[in-house]
C-alpha atoms as a PDB file:
ATOM      1  CA  MET A   1      79.604  79.003 137.228  1.00  0.00           C
ATOM      2  CA  LYS A   2      78.581  75.991 135.658  1.00  0.00           C
ATOM      3  CA  VAL A   3      75.312  76.655 133.836  1.00  0.00           C
ATOM      4  CA  VAL A   4      72.325  74.089 133.236  1.00  0.00           C
ATOM      5  CA  PHE A   5      70.606  75.356 129.471  1.00  0.00           C
ATOM      6  CA  ALA A   6      67.358  74.749 128.588  1.00  0.00           C
ATOM      7  CA  GLY A   7      65.801  76.511 125.590  1.00  0.00           C
ATOM      8  CA  THR A   8      64.650  75.186 121.412  1.00  0.00           C
ATOM      9  CA  PRO A   9      65.004  77.764 118.970  1.00  0.00           C
ATOM     10  CA  GLU A  10      68.503  79.497 117.405  1.00  0.00           C
ATOM     11  CA  PHE A  11      67.452  82.471 119.650  1.00  0.00           C
ATOM     12  CA  ALA A  12      68.283  80.067 122.538  1.00  0.00           C
ATOM     13  CA  ALA A  13      70.981  78.440 120.540  1.00  0.00           C
ATOM     14  CA  VAL A  14      73.207  82.256 120.268  1.00  0.00           C
ATOM     15  CA  ALA A  15      72.872  82.750 124.481  1.00  0.00           C
ATOM     16  CA  LEU A  16      73.790  79.069 124.643  1.00  0.00           C
ATOM     17  CA  ARG A  17      76.762  79.639 122.157  1.00  0.00           C
ATOM     18  CA  ALA A  18      77.298  82.911 124.076  1.00  0.00           C
ATOM     19  CA  LEU A  19      77.680  81.526 127.192  1.00  0.00           C
ATOM     20  CA  LEU A  20      79.684  78.574 125.465  1.00  0.00           C
ATOM     21  CA  ASP A  21      82.588  81.265 124.669  1.00  0.00           C
ATOM     22  CA  ALA A  22      82.498  83.280 127.608  1.00  0.00           C
ATOM     23  CA  GLY A  23      84.026  80.450 129.172  1.00  0.00           C
ATOM     24  CA  PHE A  24      81.340  79.071 131.125  1.00  0.00           C
ATOM     25  CA  GLU A  25      80.768  75.196 131.807  1.00  0.00           C
ATOM     26  CA  VAL A  26      77.290  73.285 130.565  1.00  0.00           C
ATOM     27  CA  PRO A  27      77.074  70.178 132.274  1.00  0.00           C
ATOM     28  CA  LEU A  28      73.888  69.812 130.859  1.00  0.00           C
ATOM     29  CA  VAL A  29      70.914  70.535 128.083  1.00  0.00           C
ATOM     30  CA  LEU A  30      67.821  70.688 127.980  1.00  0.00           C
ATOM     31  CA  THR A  31      65.454  70.561 124.854  1.00  0.00           C
ATOM     32  CA  GLN A  32      62.345  69.756 123.282  1.00  0.00           C
ATOM     33  CA  PRO A  33      62.429  66.106 121.124  1.00  0.00           C
ATOM     34  CA  ASP A  34      63.403  66.322 117.944  1.00  0.00           C
ATOM     35  CA  ARG A  35      60.524  67.344 115.358  1.00  0.00           C
ATOM     36  CA  PRO A  36      59.997  66.437 111.974  1.00  0.00           C
ATOM     37  CA  ALA A  37      61.192  69.251 109.420  1.00  0.00           C
ATOM     38  CA  GLY A  38      61.365  70.456 106.268  1.00  0.00           C
ATOM     39  CA  ARG A  39      59.939  68.836 102.660  1.00  0.00           C
ATOM     40  CA  GLY A  40      60.753  65.144 103.911  1.00  0.00           C
ATOM     41  CA  MET A  41      59.314  65.650 107.238  1.00  0.00           C
ATOM     42  CA  GLN A  42      62.912  64.098 108.468  1.00  0.00           C
ATOM     43  CA  LEU A  43      63.228  64.264 112.535  1.00  0.00           C
ATOM     44  CA  GLN A  44      65.296  67.773 113.232  1.00  0.00           C
ATOM     45  CA  ALA A  45      67.415  68.110 116.201  1.00  0.00           C
ATOM     46  CA  SER A  46      66.809  71.606 118.150  1.00  0.00           C
ATOM     47  CA  SER A  47      69.239  74.820 117.000  1.00  0.00           C
ATOM     48  CA  VAL A  48      70.350  74.161 120.969  1.00  0.00           C
ATOM     49  CA  LYS A  49      70.297  70.494 120.470  1.00  0.00           C
ATOM     50  CA  GLN A  50      73.066  70.625 117.439  1.00  0.00           C
ATOM     51  CA  VAL A  51      75.424  73.247 119.768  1.00  0.00           C
ATOM     52  CA  ALA A  52      75.027  71.685 122.795  1.00  0.00           C
ATOM     53  CA  LEU A  53      76.457  68.177 120.293  1.00  0.00           C
ATOM     54  CA  ALA A  54      78.829  70.128 119.146  1.00  0.00           C
ATOM     55  CA  HIS A  55      80.041  70.511 122.664  1.00  0.00           C
ATOM     56  CA  GLY A  56      79.711  67.774 123.752  1.00  0.00           C
ATOM     57  CA  ILE A  57      77.142  68.777 126.411  1.00  0.00           C
ATOM     58  CA  ASP A  58      74.584  65.943 127.735  1.00  0.00           C
ATOM     59  CA  VAL A  59      71.097  66.782 126.439  1.00  0.00           C
ATOM     60  CA  LEU A  60      68.401  65.602 127.839  1.00  0.00           C
ATOM     61  CA  GLN A  61      64.952  65.541 125.827  1.00  0.00           C
ATOM     62  CA  PRO A  62      61.416  65.119 127.802  1.00  0.00           C
ATOM     63  CA  LEU A  63      58.506  65.734 126.851  1.00  0.00           C
ATOM     64  CA  SER A  64      57.318  67.380 130.033  1.00  0.00           C
ATOM     65  CA  LEU A  65      59.339  68.192 133.462  1.00  0.00           C
ATOM     66  CA  ARG A  66      55.595  67.610 135.004  1.00  0.00           C
ATOM     67  CA  MET A  67      55.911  64.174 137.623  1.00  0.00           C
ATOM     68  CA  ASP A  68      52.289  64.834 138.199  1.00  0.00           C
ATOM     69  CA  ALA A  69      51.776  64.174 134.231  1.00  0.00           C
ATOM     70  CA  LYS A  70      48.347  62.094 133.704  1.00  0.00           C
ATOM     71  CA  ASP A  71      50.515  60.361 130.382  1.00  0.00           C
ATOM     72  CA  PRO A  72      52.742  57.750 131.786  1.00  0.00           C
ATOM     73  CA  GLN A  73      54.917  58.204 129.664  1.00  0.00           C
ATOM     74  CA  ARG A  74      55.145  62.319 129.921  1.00  0.00           C
ATOM     75  CA  ALA A  75      55.110  61.623 134.194  1.00  0.00           C
ATOM     76  CA  ALA A  76      58.471  58.650 133.593  1.00  0.00           C
ATOM     77  CA  GLU A  77      59.944  61.160 131.709  1.00  0.00           C
ATOM     78  CA  ALA A  78      59.553  64.094 133.913  1.00  0.00           C
ATOM     79  CA  GLN A  79      61.107  61.727 136.944  1.00  0.00           C
ATOM     80  CA  ALA A  80      64.569  61.115 134.882  1.00  0.00           C
ATOM     81  CA  ALA A  81      64.500  65.002 134.192  1.00  0.00           C
ATOM     82  CA  HIS A  82      64.344  65.975 137.741  1.00  0.00           C
ATOM     83  CA  ALA A  83      66.621  62.491 139.181  1.00  0.00           C
ATOM     84  CA  ARG A  84      69.234  63.485 136.958  1.00  0.00           C
ATOM     85  CA  LEU A  85      68.445  67.334 137.663  1.00  0.00           C
ATOM     86  CA  LEU A  86      69.388  66.021 141.749  1.00  0.00           C
ATOM     87  CA  ALA A  87      72.185  64.499 140.566  1.00  0.00           C
ATOM     88  CA  THR A  88      74.362  67.737 138.057  1.00  0.00           C
ATOM     89  CA  ASP A  89      76.834  69.865 139.790  1.00  0.00           C
ATOM     90  CA  TYR A  90      75.332  73.267 138.626  1.00  0.00           C
ATOM     91  CA  ASP A  91      74.387  76.835 140.521  1.00  0.00           C
ATOM     92  CA  VAL A  92      72.027  78.262 137.705  1.00  0.00           C
ATOM     93  CA  MET A  93      69.730  76.834 135.230  1.00  0.00           C
ATOM     94  CA  VAL A  94      69.292  79.528 132.255  1.00  0.00           C
ATOM     95  CA  VAL A  95      66.218  79.169 130.540  1.00  0.00           C
ATOM     96  CA  ALA A  96      65.545  80.808 127.227  1.00  0.00           C
ATOM     97  CA  ALA A  97      62.351  80.124 124.866  1.00  0.00           C
ATOM     98  CA  TYR A  98      62.810  76.587 125.655  1.00  0.00           C
ATOM     99  CA  GLY A  99      58.759  75.372 125.299  1.00  0.00           C
ATOM    100  CA  LEU A 100      58.476  73.939 128.342  1.00  0.00           C
ATOM    101  CA  ILE A 101      56.455  75.107 132.066  1.00  0.00           C
ATOM    102  CA  LEU A 102      59.017  74.622 134.505  1.00  0.00           C
ATOM    103  CA  PRO A 103      57.504  73.795 137.438  1.00  0.00           C
ATOM    104  CA  ARG A 104      57.662  74.270 141.259  1.00  0.00           C
ATOM    105  CA  SER A 105      59.493  71.156 141.681  1.00  0.00           C
ATOM    106  CA  THR A 106      62.379  72.230 138.844  1.00  0.00           C
ATOM    107  CA  LEU A 107      62.655  75.736 140.274  1.00  0.00           C
ATOM    108  CA  ASP A 108      63.336  75.062 143.730  1.00  0.00           C
ATOM    109  CA  ILE A 109      66.561  72.506 143.198  1.00  0.00           C
ATOM    110  CA  LYS A 110      69.035  76.023 141.863  1.00  0.00           C
ATOM    111  CA  PRO A 111      67.931  79.682 141.258  1.00  0.00           C
ATOM    112  CA  CYS A 112      66.441  79.931 136.594  1.00  0.00           C
ATOM    113  CA  ILE A 113      67.042  82.838 135.427  1.00  0.00           C
ATOM    114  CA  ASN A 114      65.157  83.778 131.869  1.00  0.00           C
ATOM    115  CA  ILE A 115      66.554  85.403 128.803  1.00  0.00           C
ATOM    116  CA  HIS A 116      63.125  87.046 127.793  1.00  0.00           C
ATOM    117  CA  GLY A 117      62.756  89.299 124.427  1.00  0.00           C
ATOM    118  CA  SER A 118      60.481  91.946 125.525  1.00  0.00           C
ATOM    119  CA  LEU A 119      60.435  94.976 128.163  1.00  0.00           C
ATOM    120  CA  LEU A 120      58.539  93.385 131.069  1.00  0.00           C
ATOM    121  CA  PRO A 121      55.765  93.203 132.000  1.00  0.00           C
ATOM    122  CA  ARG A 122      55.019  93.941 128.038  1.00  0.00           C
ATOM    123  CA  TRP A 123      55.068  91.233 126.271  1.00  0.00           C
ATOM    124  CA  ARG A 124      54.832  88.907 128.494  1.00  0.00           C
ATOM    125  CA  GLY A 125      54.291  85.070 126.668  1.00  0.00           C
ATOM    126  CA  ALA A 126      55.239  82.963 123.980  1.00  0.00           C
ATOM    127  CA  ALA A 127      54.929  85.167 120.936  1.00  0.00           C
ATOM    128  CA  PRO A 128      56.898  88.881 122.529  1.00  0.00           C
ATOM    129  CA  ILE A 129      58.491  89.823 118.892  1.00  0.00           C
ATOM    130  CA  HIS A 130      55.611  89.512 116.965  1.00  0.00           C
ATOM    131  CA  ARG A 131      53.395  91.041 119.191  1.00  0.00           C
ATOM    132  CA  ALA A 132      55.836  93.794 119.282  1.00  0.00           C
ATOM    133  CA  ILE A 133      55.345  94.888 115.997  1.00  0.00           C
ATOM    134  CA  GLU A 134      52.241  94.219 115.096  1.00  0.00           C
ATOM    135  CA  ALA A 135      51.054  96.972 118.159  1.00  0.00           C
ATOM    136  CA  GLY A 136      53.379  99.200 116.252  1.00  0.00           C
ATOM    137  CA  ASP A 137      55.582  99.552 119.468  1.00  0.00           C
ATOM    138  CA  HIS A 138      58.944 101.956 119.086  1.00  0.00           C
ATOM    139  CA  ASP A 139      61.266 100.004 120.876  1.00  0.00           C
ATOM    140  CA  THR A 140      61.464  96.219 122.684  1.00  0.00           C
ATOM    141  CA  GLY A 141      64.531  95.002 123.979  1.00  0.00           C
ATOM    142  CA  VAL A 142      65.851  91.950 126.239  1.00  0.00           C
ATOM    143  CA  THR A 143      64.855  91.381 129.679  1.00  0.00           C
ATOM    144  CA  ILE A 144      66.944  88.644 131.944  1.00  0.00           C
ATOM    145  CA  MET A 145      64.605  87.849 135.241  1.00  0.00           C
ATOM    146  CA  GLU A 146      63.943  85.407 137.935  1.00  0.00           C
ATOM    147  CA  MET A 147      62.099  82.131 137.014  1.00  0.00           C
ATOM    148  CA  GLU A 148      58.633  81.388 139.178  1.00  0.00           C
ATOM    149  CA  GLU A 149      55.341  79.848 137.947  1.00  0.00           C
ATOM    150  CA  GLY A 150      53.648  82.455 136.969  1.00  0.00           C
ATOM    151  CA  LEU A 151      54.216  83.451 133.291  1.00  0.00           C
ATOM    152  CA  ASP A 152      57.000  85.847 132.557  1.00  0.00           C
ATOM    153  CA  THR A 153      56.203  87.602 136.474  1.00  0.00           C
ATOM    154  CA  GLY A 154      59.100  87.028 137.870  1.00  0.00           C
ATOM    155  CA  PRO A 155      61.904  89.695 139.348  1.00  0.00           C
ATOM    156  CA  MET A 156      64.405  91.208 136.701  1.00  0.00           C
ATOM    157  CA  LEU A 157      67.840  91.263 136.765  1.00  0.00           C
ATOM    158  CA  LEU A 158      68.333  93.246 133.551  1.00  0.00           C
ATOM    159  CA  MET A 159      67.054  94.892 130.817  1.00  0.00           C
ATOM    160  CA  GLU A 160      68.128  96.642 127.517  1.00  0.00           C
ATOM    161  CA  HIS A 161      66.481  98.337 125.281  1.00  0.00           C
ATOM    162  CA  LEU A 162      66.339  98.066 121.668  1.00  0.00           C
ATOM    163  CA  PRO A 163      64.954 100.108 118.854  1.00  0.00           C
ATOM    164  CA  ILE A 164      62.101  98.801 116.896  1.00  0.00           C
ATOM    165  CA  ASP A 165      63.586  99.912 112.666  1.00  0.00           C
ATOM    166  CA  ALA A 166      59.966 100.840 110.166  1.00  0.00           C
ATOM    167  CA  THR A 167      61.348  97.399 108.176  1.00  0.00           C
ATOM    168  CA  ASP A 168      62.039  95.474 110.409  1.00  0.00           C
ATOM    169  CA  THR A 169      60.319  91.647 109.848  1.00  0.00           C
ATOM    170  CA  THR A 170      59.812  89.470 113.463  1.00  0.00           C
ATOM    171  CA  GLY A 171      63.412  87.496 111.712  1.00  0.00           C
ATOM    172  CA  SER A 172      65.515  91.035 112.044  1.00  0.00           C
ATOM    173  CA  LEU A 173      64.488  91.278 114.615  1.00  0.00           C
ATOM    174  CA  HIS A 174      64.618  88.207 116.035  1.00  0.00           C
ATOM    175  CA  ASP A 175      68.562  88.533 115.496  1.00  0.00           C
ATOM    176  CA  LYS A 176      68.944  91.461 117.691  1.00  0.00           C
ATOM    177  CA  LEU A 177      67.297  90.111 120.575  1.00  0.00           C
ATOM    178  CA  ALA A 178      69.099  87.384 120.491  1.00  0.00           C
ATOM    179  CA  ALA A 179      72.492  88.272 119.517  1.00  0.00           C
ATOM    180  CA  LEU A 180      71.492  91.350 122.499  1.00  0.00           C
ATOM    181  CA  GLY A 181      70.323  88.708 125.077  1.00  0.00           C
ATOM    182  CA  GLY A 182      73.410  86.642 124.442  1.00  0.00           C
ATOM    183  CA  ARG A 183      75.909  89.121 125.811  1.00  0.00           C
ATOM    184  CA  MET A 184      73.257  90.439 128.422  1.00  0.00           C
ATOM    185  CA  ILE A 185      73.501  86.643 130.224  1.00  0.00           C
ATOM    186  CA  VAL A 186      76.681  86.757 130.291  1.00  0.00           C
ATOM    187  CA  ASP A 187      76.504  89.946 132.270  1.00  0.00           C
ATOM    188  CA  ALA A 188      74.430  88.454 134.662  1.00  0.00           C
ATOM    189  CA  LEU A 189      75.998  85.791 135.107  1.00  0.00           C
ATOM    190  CA  ARG A 190      79.571  87.517 136.017  1.00  0.00           C
ATOM    191  CA  ARG A 191      77.544  89.938 137.993  1.00  0.00           C
ATOM    192  CA  MET A 192      75.945  87.245 139.786  1.00  0.00           C
ATOM    193  CA  ALA A 193      78.957  85.688 140.458  1.00  0.00           C
ATOM    194  CA  ALA A 194      80.791  88.495 141.753  1.00  0.00           C
ATOM    195  CA  GLY A 195      78.006  88.843 143.898  1.00  0.00           C
ATOM    196  CA  THR A 196      76.138  92.447 142.693  1.00  0.00           C
ATOM    197  CA  LEU A 197      73.084  91.499 140.636  1.00  0.00           C
ATOM    198  CA  GLU A 198      69.831  93.058 142.532  1.00  0.00           C
ATOM    199  CA  ALA A 199      66.418  91.770 141.856  1.00  0.00           C
ATOM    200  CA  VAL A 200      63.845  94.039 140.697  1.00  0.00           C
ATOM    201  CA  PRO A 201      59.903  93.773 141.508  1.00  0.00           C
ATOM    202  CA  GLN A 202      57.982  94.236 137.454  1.00  0.00           C
ATOM    203  CA  PRO A 203      55.604  96.582 137.933  1.00  0.00           C
ATOM    204  CA  GLU A 204      52.094  95.922 138.389  1.00  0.00           C
ATOM    205  CA  ASP A 205      50.952  99.234 135.087  1.00  0.00           C
ATOM    206  CA  GLY A 206      51.054  98.073 132.028  1.00  0.00           C
ATOM    207  CA  VAL A 207      51.033  94.284 131.616  1.00  0.00           C
ATOM    208  CA  THR A 208      50.477  92.504 128.482  1.00  0.00           C
ATOM    209  CA  TYR A 209      50.445  88.996 126.679  1.00  0.00           C
ATOM    210  CA  ALA A 210      51.674  87.538 124.129  1.00  0.00           C
ATOM    211  CA  ALA A 211      49.563  84.800 122.263  1.00  0.00           C
ATOM    212  CA  LYS A 212      51.014  82.186 120.858  1.00  0.00           C
ATOM    213  CA  ILE A 213      50.834  82.938 116.305  1.00  0.00           C
ATOM    214  CA  GLY A 214      48.556  80.597 114.555  1.00  0.00           C
ATOM    215  CA  LYS A 215      48.387  79.784 111.274  1.00  0.00           C
ATOM    216  CA  GLU A 216      44.651  81.101 111.402  1.00  0.00           C
ATOM    217  CA  GLU A 217      46.103  84.541 111.970  1.00  0.00           C
ATOM    218  CA  ALA A 218      48.042  84.787 107.968  1.00  0.00           C
ATOM    219  CA  LYS A 219      45.090  85.719 106.130  1.00  0.00           C
ATOM    220  CA  LEU A 220      44.502  89.601 106.188  1.00  0.00           C
ATOM    221  CA  ASP A 221      41.917  91.575 106.574  1.00  0.00           C
ATOM    222  CA  TRP A 222      41.419  93.507 103.745  1.00  0.00           C
ATOM    223  CA  SER A 223      39.042  96.368 105.836  1.00  0.00           C
ATOM    224  CA  LEU A 224      41.647  97.814 108.217  1.00  0.00           C
ATOM    225  CA  PRO A 225      43.701 100.617 107.993  1.00  0.00           C
ATOM    226  CA  ALA A 226      46.929 100.052 105.742  1.00  0.00           C
ATOM    227  CA  GLU A 227      49.236 100.675 108.184  1.00  0.00           C
ATOM    228  CA  ALA A 228      47.720  98.010 110.263  1.00  0.00           C
ATOM    229  CA  LEU A 229      48.558  95.132 107.377  1.00  0.00           C
ATOM    230  CA  ALA A 230      52.273  96.942 106.737  1.00  0.00           C
ATOM    231  CA  ARG A 231      53.170  95.512 110.664  1.00  0.00           C
ATOM    232  CA  LYS A 232      51.001  92.756 109.999  1.00  0.00           C
ATOM    233  CA  VAL A 233      52.832  91.331 107.216  1.00  0.00           C
ATOM    234  CA  ARG A 234      56.018  92.260 108.415  1.00  0.00           C
ATOM    235  CA  ALA A 235      55.505  90.983 112.341  1.00  0.00           C
ATOM    236  CA  PHE A 236      53.876  87.435 110.507  1.00  0.00           C
ATOM    237  CA  ASN A 237      57.795  87.188 108.817  1.00  0.00           C
ATOM    238  CA  PRO A 238      58.941  84.954 109.333  1.00  0.00           C
ATOM    239  CA  PHE A 239      56.441  82.893 110.099  1.00  0.00           C
ATOM    240  CA  PRO A 240      53.536  81.792 109.457  1.00  0.00           C
ATOM    241  CA  GLY A 241      53.661  84.459 106.639  1.00  0.00           C
ATOM    242  CA  ALA A 242      51.122  86.831 105.894  1.00  0.00           C
ATOM    243  CA  SER A 243      48.564  85.649 102.897  1.00  0.00           C
ATOM    244  CA  GLY A 244      45.748  87.517 100.814  1.00  0.00           C
ATOM    245  CA  GLN A 245      43.196  85.762  98.841  1.00  0.00           C
ATOM    246  CA  ALA A 246      42.952  86.641  94.942  1.00  0.00           C
ATOM    247  CA  GLY A 247      40.605  84.554  93.262  1.00  0.00           C
ATOM    248  CA  ALA A 248      41.886  81.032  93.608  1.00  0.00           C
ATOM    249  CA  SER A 249      45.531  80.733  94.805  1.00  0.00           C
ATOM    250  CA  THR A 250      46.421  81.780  97.939  1.00  0.00           C
ATOM    251  CA  ILE A 251      49.296  84.404  97.048  1.00  0.00           C
ATOM    252  CA  LYS A 252      51.549  84.676 100.616  1.00  0.00           C
ATOM    253  CA  ILE A 253      52.522  88.337 100.744  1.00  0.00           C
ATOM    254  CA  TRP A 254      56.309  89.261 101.999  1.00  0.00           C
ATOM    255  CA  ASN A 255      56.624  92.825 102.225  1.00  0.00           C
ATOM    256  CA  ALA A 256      54.797  95.552 101.892  1.00  0.00           C
ATOM    257  CA  GLN A 257      54.026  99.443 102.501  1.00  0.00           C
ATOM    258  CA  ALA A 258      50.936 101.266 103.266  1.00  0.00           C
ATOM    259  CA  VAL A 259      50.187 104.169 101.124  1.00  0.00           C
ATOM    260  CA  ASP A 260      47.604 106.908  99.785  1.00  0.00           C
ATOM    261  CA  GLY A 261      45.086 105.219  97.981  1.00  0.00           C
ATOM    262  CA  ASP A 262      41.184 104.923  97.673  1.00  0.00           C
ATOM    263  CA  GLY A 263      38.668 102.125  97.175  1.00  0.00           C
ATOM    264  CA  ARG A 264      36.519  98.902  97.668  1.00  0.00           C
ATOM    265  CA  PRO A 265      38.532  96.893 100.710  1.00  0.00           C
ATOM    266  CA  GLY A 266      40.613  94.648  98.318  1.00  0.00           C
ATOM    267  CA  GLN A 267      40.542  96.677  95.170  1.00  0.00           C
ATOM    268  CA  VAL A 268      43.093  96.060  93.717  1.00  0.00           C
ATOM    269  CA  LEU A 269      43.845  99.526  92.509  1.00  0.00           C
ATOM    270  CA  ALA A 270      47.377  99.039  90.127  1.00  0.00           C
ATOM    271  CA  ALA A 271      49.745  95.503  89.649  1.00  0.00           C
ATOM    272  CA  ASP A 272      51.474  96.889  86.563  1.00  0.00           C
ATOM    273  CA  ALA A 273      55.328  97.602  86.253  1.00  0.00           C
ATOM    274  CA  GLN A 274      54.830 101.317  87.421  1.00  0.00           C
ATOM    275  CA  HIS A 275      53.253 101.751  90.282  1.00  0.00           C
ATOM    276  CA  GLY A 276      53.516  97.316  91.547  1.00  0.00           C
ATOM    277  CA  ILE A 277      50.934  95.589  93.357  1.00  0.00           C
ATOM    278  CA  VAL A 278      48.524  98.463  95.405  1.00  0.00           C
ATOM    279  CA  VAL A 279      45.409  96.871  97.565  1.00  0.00           C
ATOM    280  CA  ALA A 280      42.937  99.168  98.702  1.00  0.00           C
ATOM    281  CA  CYS A 281      42.459  98.959 102.878  1.00  0.00           C
ATOM    282  CA  GLY A 282      39.965  99.847 105.183  1.00  0.00           C
ATOM    283  CA  THR A 283      42.404 103.443 105.004  1.00  0.00           C
ATOM    284  CA  GLY A 284      44.584 103.824 102.662  1.00  0.00           C
ATOM    285  CA  ALA A 285      46.046 101.144 100.110  1.00  0.00           C
ATOM    286  CA  LEU A 286      48.367  98.508 100.665  1.00  0.00           C
ATOM    287  CA  ARG A 287      51.467  98.110  98.183  1.00  0.00           C
ATOM    288  CA  LEU A 288      52.818  94.471  97.994  1.00  0.00           C
ATOM    289  CA  THR A 289      56.593  94.664  96.645  1.00  0.00           C
ATOM    290  CA  ALA A 290      57.044  90.264  97.832  1.00  0.00           C
ATOM    291  CA  LEU A 291      54.499  87.848  96.959  1.00  0.00           C
ATOM    292  CA  GLN A 292      54.657  84.718  96.506  1.00  0.00           C
ATOM    293  CA  LYS A 293      52.069  81.805  94.918  1.00  0.00           C
ATOM    294  CA  PRO A 294      51.823  77.774  95.631  1.00  0.00           C
ATOM    295  CA  GLY A 295      54.904  75.727  94.588  1.00  0.00           C
ATOM    296  CA  GLY A 296      56.794  79.284  93.457  1.00  0.00           C
ATOM    297  CA  LYS A 297      59.700  81.153  95.126  1.00  0.00           C
ATOM    298  CA  ARG A 298      59.398  84.541  96.378  1.00  0.00           C
ATOM    299  CA  LEU A 299      59.255  86.761  94.408  1.00  0.00           C
ATOM    300  CA  ALA A 300      59.610  91.074  94.349  1.00  0.00           C
ATOM    301  CA  ALA A 301      56.391  92.594  91.953  1.00  0.00           C
ATOM    302  CA  ALA A 302      57.683  93.501  88.950  1.00  0.00           C
ATOM    303  CA  GLU A 303      59.012  89.839  88.238  1.00  0.00           C
ATOM    304  CA  PHE A 304      55.571  87.949  90.635  1.00  0.00           C
ATOM    305  CA  LEU A 305      53.411  89.730  87.628  1.00  0.00           C
ATOM    306  CA  LYS A 306      54.894  87.802  84.887  1.00  0.00           C
ATOM    307  CA  GLY A 307      53.181  85.027  86.051  1.00  0.00           C
ATOM    308  CA  PHE A 308      50.725  86.499  87.693  1.00  0.00           C
ATOM    309  CA  SER A 309      47.085  88.878  86.608  1.00  0.00           C
ATOM    310  CA  PHE A 310      44.765  90.853  88.347  1.00  0.00           C
ATOM    311  CA  ASP A 311      42.689  90.883  85.852  1.00  0.00           C
ATOM    312  CA  GLY A 312      38.645  90.438  87.296  1.00  0.00           C
ATOM    313  CA  LEU A 313      40.324  89.837  91.065  1.00  0.00           C
ATOM    314  CA  ALA A 314      40.591  91.674  94.420  1.00  0.00           C
ATOM    315  CA  PHE A 315      41.389  90.172  97.428  1.00  0.00           C
ATOM    316  CA  ALA A 316      38.435  88.491  99.480  1.00  0.00           C
END
């Protein structure tokens, strides 16, 4: 079976590696254009592009796949990509965290199936891993689905559950789901080749949407319950990183646990080696165990306190 692969970040790269390791032929890869990254803001190839180049696979990086795009450059790149797909010998397109919408013109060429990091129809959309942790879900998983023009609305082909551990961050859960998705897409394509893969419509009940994470969400609202804030800290690790404003300093909070405590929201109830850094919330308190000040490194609370004093400060 010949597979055109469309994806961009490491979540997708894991699946591409799994397909290649399983012996599937991949004649073409689509991925997002190179983006500036790192301190030097140098152009950097996506994780998927790096895998493709390492295996000698041709790569397309159009700005859009919509041939009717208003921007002439985007329309021209979409037309070129469409022509390339029509000229490519493949059986199915596999899509994982690509970042571009596939228009009807692309979906109509060959079957398109997607690797989605949630138990559909829960958490359709851009940030299913973040939102599952933030909401306090006890489990999540991967759904392999047929693609259609709606946002993650297509029929389901395979689904597997994965528990969300109490200590999972978006980073750790991402890695687990990526590995699961890689294994499942290999299974799905083998079943497809054997004619044993059946599509099941998504249920109408239980639909939720996982909106893209914005940097403005990073600042913690201390009037919320401690349990909710602890989930946000885990959900926003590694991006965008939860933060709190203490005086003139914006402090990144990378790890925290809800504990008993009572005080004015944002009040620092303790800040010492014995108790750590404990901050009052709307209900309960949050013990901060890994922090980072501007320009500094991520540190355990005891080490952080050697270079930062909370005397007279509260979190705003």
